[in-house]
Amino acid sequence: MMALLWAQQIMLEKKTYEQVPRLLKEQVKEILIDSGYEELVTE
């Protein structure tokens, strides 16, 4: 659930992938890629 909220915030450009807590990064990355926002995943 938290990963989805983070992903939505990134899609809306209110947060960046770098701001995602370490434990949620993989889940958020998967959601962003599945949603077609792979360009927002920067490591």
Protein backbone atom coordinates (compact mmCIF):
# COMPACT_ATOMS: atom_id res chain seq x y z
CA MET A 1 0.00 0.00 0.00
CA MET A 2 2.75 2.45 0.91
CA ALA A 3 4.64 1.58 -2.26
CA LEU A 4 1.59 2.45 -4.34
CA LEU A 5 1.24 5.81 -2.59
CA TRP A 6 4.90 6.58 -3.23
CA ALA A 7 4.57 5.57 -6.87
CA GLN A 8 1.55 7.86 -7.30
CA GLN A 9 3.44 10.77 -5.78
CA ILE A 10 6.34 10.15 -8.17
CA MET A 11 3.99 9.96 -11.15
CA LEU A 12 2.49 13.29 -10.12
CA GLU A 13 6.05 14.67 -9.81
CA LYS A 14 5.54 15.60 -6.16
CA LYS A 15 8.30 13.22 -5.02
CA THR A 16 11.34 11.64 -6.67
CA TYR A 17 12.49 8.03 -6.74
CA GLU A 18 15.55 9.03 -4.71
CA GLN A 19 13.26 10.07 -1.83
CA VAL A 20 11.66 6.62 -1.55
CA PRO A 21 12.62 4.76 1.65
CA ARG A 22 15.15 2.01 1.00
CA LEU A 23 12.79 -0.81 1.97
CA LEU A 24 10.14 0.30 -0.54
CA LYS A 25 12.37 1.06 -3.54
CA GLU A 26 12.00 -2.33 -5.28
CA GLN A 27 8.20 -2.33 -4.95
CA VAL A 28 7.93 1.28 -6.13
CA LYS A 29 10.26 0.55 -9.06
CA GLU A 30 8.08 -2.39 -10.13
CA ILE A 31 4.89 -0.31 -9.93
CA LEU A 32 6.42 2.55 -11.94
CA ILE A 33 7.71 0.21 -14.66
CA ASP A 34 4.38 -1.65 -14.86
CA SER A 35 2.59 1.71 -15.17
CA GLY A 36 4.82 2.89 -18.03
CA TYR A 37 6.83 5.39 -15.98
CA GLU A 38 10.21 3.65 -16.17
CA GLU A 39 11.86 6.98 -17.06
CA LEU A 40 11.12 8.18 -13.51
CA VAL A 41 13.16 5.35 -11.99
CA THR A 42 16.66 6.68 -11.52
CA GLU A 43 19.20 4.86 -9.45
